[in-house]
Protein backbone atom coordinates (compact mmCIF):
# COMPACT_ATOMS: atom_id res chain seq x y z
CA UNK A 1 -45.03 -72.33 -40.32
CA UNK A 2 -44.58 -70.94 -36.85
CA UNK A 3 -40.95 -71.89 -37.09
CA UNK A 4 -40.60 -70.04 -40.37
CA UNK A 5 -42.24 -66.99 -38.83
CA UNK A 6 -39.83 -67.09 -35.90
CA UNK A 7 -36.89 -67.44 -38.27
CA UNK A 8 -38.10 -64.48 -40.33
CA UNK A 9 -38.51 -62.35 -37.23
CA UNK A 10 -35.01 -63.31 -36.05
CA UNK A 11 -33.53 -62.38 -39.47
CA UNK A 12 -35.35 -59.04 -39.41
CA UNK A 13 -34.08 -58.34 -35.87
CA UNK A 14 -30.56 -59.26 -36.93
CA UNK A 15 -30.80 -56.96 -39.95
CA UNK A 16 -32.09 -54.13 -37.74
CA UNK A 17 -29.25 -54.73 -35.28
CA UNK A 18 -26.65 -54.81 -38.08
CA UNK A 19 -28.29 -51.74 -39.64
CA UNK A 20 -28.16 -49.98 -36.26
CA UNK A 21 -24.54 -51.03 -35.81
CA UNK A 22 -23.64 -49.58 -39.21
CA UNK A 23 -25.44 -46.29 -38.55
CA UNK A 24 -24.42 -46.01 -34.87
CA UNK A 25 -20.66 -45.75 -35.34
CA UNK A 26 -21.07 -43.25 -38.18
CA UNK A 27 -23.23 -40.96 -36.07
CA UNK A 28 -21.04 -41.28 -33.01
CA UNK A 29 -17.81 -40.61 -34.94
CA UNK A 30 -19.38 -37.44 -36.40
CA UNK A 31 -20.54 -36.46 -32.95
CA UNK A 32 -17.05 -37.11 -31.53
CA UNK A 33 -15.48 -34.94 -34.24
CA UNK A 34 -17.90 -32.09 -33.49
CA UNK A 35 -17.28 -32.39 -29.76
CA UNK A 36 -13.52 -32.42 -30.34
CA UNK A 37 -13.77 -29.22 -32.42
CA UNK A 38 -15.86 -27.51 -29.75
CA UNK A 39 -13.43 -28.64 -27.03
CA UNK A 40 -10.44 -27.41 -29.08
CA UNK A 41 -12.18 -24.07 -29.58
CA UNK A 42 -12.86 -23.70 -25.83
CA UNK A 43 -9.28 -24.71 -24.93
CA UNK A 44 -7.99 -22.18 -27.47
CA UNK A 45 -10.03 -19.38 -25.92
CA UNK A 46 -8.86 -20.32 -22.40
CA UNK A 47 -5.22 -20.37 -23.55
CA UNK A 48 -5.62 -16.95 -25.18
CA UNK A 49 -7.05 -15.53 -21.94
CA UNK A 50 -4.24 -17.05 -19.83
CA UNK A 51 -1.50 -15.85 -22.19
CA UNK A 52 -2.92 -12.33 -22.41
CA UNK A 53 -3.15 -12.21 -18.58
CA UNK A 54 0.48 -13.33 -18.25
CA UNK A 55 1.65 -10.75 -20.81
CA UNK A 56 -0.30 -8.00 -19.02
CA UNK A 57 1.18 -8.97 -15.63
CA UNK A 58 4.72 -9.05 -17.03
CA UNK A 59 4.21 -5.69 -18.72
CA UNK A 60 2.84 -4.00 -15.60
CA UNK A 61 5.26 -5.67 -13.17
CA UNK A 62 7.58 -3.04 -11.73
CA UNK A 63 5.22 -0.21 -12.55
CA UNK A 64 3.76 1.48 -9.53
CA UNK A 65 0.07 1.60 -8.86
CA UNK A 66 0.16 5.38 -8.94
CA UNK A 67 -1.77 6.56 -11.94
CA UNK A 68 -0.44 9.44 -13.95
CA UNK A 69 -2.57 12.53 -13.53
CA UNK A 70 -2.57 15.87 -15.22
CA UNK A 71 -2.25 18.56 -12.59
CA UNK A 72 -3.23 22.18 -12.96
CA UNK A 73 -0.35 24.66 -12.92
CA UNK A 74 0.78 25.39 -9.37
CA UNK A 75 -0.95 22.29 -7.95
CA UNK A 76 1.25 19.53 -6.62
CA UNK A 77 0.19 15.92 -6.18
CA UNK A 78 -0.65 14.82 -2.67
CA UNK A 79 1.58 12.35 -0.83
CA UNK A 80 0.56 9.46 1.35
CA UNK A 81 0.38 10.50 5.02
CA UNK A 82 3.40 9.82 7.17
CA UNK A 83 3.45 7.53 10.18
CA UNK A 84 3.88 9.59 13.35
CA UNK A 85 5.32 9.14 16.78
CA UNK A 86 3.58 11.41 19.27
CA UNK A 87 5.86 12.63 22.03
CA UNK A 88 4.65 13.56 25.49
CA UNK A 89 4.13 17.32 25.96
CA UNK A 90 7.13 19.49 26.79
CA UNK A 91 6.62 22.03 29.61
CA UNK A 92 9.63 24.15 30.53
CA UNK A 93 11.06 27.63 30.77
CA UNK A 94 12.69 29.30 27.81
CA UNK A 95 16.17 30.75 28.16
CA UNK A 96 16.12 34.26 29.62
CA UNK A 97 19.66 35.52 30.19
CA UNK A 98 18.52 38.69 31.95
CA UNK A 99 15.79 37.09 34.06
CA UNK A 100 13.56 40.10 33.36
CA UNK A 101 11.12 38.33 31.01
CA UNK A 102 10.74 34.69 31.99
CA UNK A 103 8.57 32.68 29.56
CA UNK A 104 7.05 29.25 30.17
CA UNK A 105 6.51 27.12 27.06
CA UNK A 106 4.13 24.23 26.44
CA UNK A 107 4.97 22.31 23.29
CA UNK A 108 3.49 19.11 21.94
CA UNK A 109 4.96 17.57 18.78
CA UNK A 110 4.88 14.43 16.67
CA UNK A 111 7.71 13.06 14.55
CA UNK A 112 6.67 12.12 11.00
CA UNK A 113 8.41 9.34 9.06
CA UNK A 114 7.80 6.93 6.17
CA UNK A 115 5.14 4.43 7.18
CA UNK A 116 6.80 1.37 5.64
CA UNK A 117 10.05 1.71 7.61
CA UNK A 118 9.61 -0.76 10.48
CA UNK A 119 13.29 -0.52 11.51
CA UNK A 120 12.97 3.24 11.96
CA UNK A 121 9.74 2.83 13.92
CA UNK A 122 11.45 0.40 16.30
CA UNK A 123 14.48 2.68 16.61
CA UNK A 124 12.29 5.69 17.43
CA UNK A 125 10.54 3.77 20.19
CA UNK A 126 13.88 2.57 21.60
CA UNK A 127 15.37 6.09 21.49
CA UNK A 128 12.27 7.94 22.69
CA UNK A 129 13.92 9.25 25.88
CA UNK A 130 17.12 10.19 24.05
CA UNK A 131 15.03 12.13 21.52
CA UNK A 132 13.08 13.88 24.31
CA UNK A 133 16.36 14.85 26.00
CA UNK A 134 17.72 16.32 22.76
CA UNK A 135 14.53 18.35 22.20
CA UNK A 136 14.43 19.59 25.82
CA UNK A 137 18.02 20.75 25.52
CA UNK A 138 17.21 22.55 22.29
CA UNK A 139 14.04 24.22 23.68
CA UNK A 140 15.74 25.38 26.86
CA UNK A 141 18.45 27.09 24.79
CA UNK A 142 15.85 29.24 22.96
CA UNK A 143 14.55 32.62 24.01
CA UNK A 144 11.10 34.04 23.42
CA UNK A 145 12.52 36.15 20.58
CA UNK A 146 13.74 32.93 18.88
CA UNK A 147 10.17 31.58 18.67
CA UNK A 148 7.85 34.59 18.38
CA UNK A 149 7.02 34.48 14.62
CA UNK A 150 5.78 31.76 12.25
CA UNK A 151 9.05 31.87 10.27
CA UNK A 152 11.06 31.36 13.46
CA UNK A 153 8.81 28.43 14.45
CA UNK A 154 9.35 26.82 11.02
CA UNK A 155 13.08 27.26 11.48
CA UNK A 156 12.78 25.74 14.98
CA UNK A 157 10.96 22.71 13.53
CA UNK A 158 13.79 22.20 11.00
CA UNK A 159 16.31 22.45 13.82
CA UNK A 160 14.47 19.78 15.83
CA UNK A 161 14.36 17.61 12.71
CA UNK A 162 18.13 17.95 12.13
CA UNK A 163 18.92 17.19 15.78
CA UNK A 164 16.70 14.09 15.89
CA UNK A 165 17.98 12.84 12.51
CA UNK A 166 21.55 13.09 13.81
CA UNK A 167 20.61 10.40 16.38
CA UNK A 168 19.03 7.94 13.96
CA UNK A 169 20.60 5.05 12.05
CA UNK A 170 17.68 3.33 10.26
CA UNK A 171 16.03 6.28 8.50
CA UNK A 172 15.12 9.92 8.77
CA UNK A 173 12.36 12.05 10.22
CA UNK A 174 10.56 13.66 7.28
CA UNK A 175 8.73 16.37 9.21
CA UNK A 176 7.88 17.69 12.66
CA UNK A 177 4.22 18.32 13.41
CA UNK A 178 3.44 20.86 16.10
CA UNK A 179 0.26 19.78 17.84
CA UNK A 180 0.23 22.44 20.55
CA UNK A 181 2.42 25.48 21.12
CA UNK A 182 1.96 28.02 23.93
CA UNK A 183 4.46 30.57 25.15
CA UNK A 184 3.21 32.04 28.42
CA UNK A 185 5.04 35.02 30.01
CA UNK A 186 5.41 34.69 33.77
CA UNK A 187 4.22 37.64 35.79
């Protein structure tokens, strides 16, 4: 009888195992299908994000980062500041053909140029003494009457700019900044 009991228990265990084997694969195949659908959904979302990012980058490539603004009438947009080369102060006498009114001038200027032009920056440093010589020659040819009003000083700045630009190969000076300007009559 004990043997029959053992045999019955073994048959029941085998039936449970076979029952579990039949149910196991069915549950796991359903689970695999669900996981595959979830994975496909996630991959689809990632692909959509990547493709939209690529399209956006292609569309905006070549466009500048400057945003379009609506400006009020008479207002102009501001520009990025120029790179500057500060020259040592100029101290010399202005031209006085009669000798009756000698004037001593102190002038300090900076040359303004585009900041991304490395070749021009190097050229300006290499030609610094040549530029100073050109400006000294120009200043010494001027009289007090040539520099005694704001309009004449603006014209003088343009003249310095033209003279310096005539020396340069790798770019242009965009502006001349006057840092200090004193015309002192000698007594």
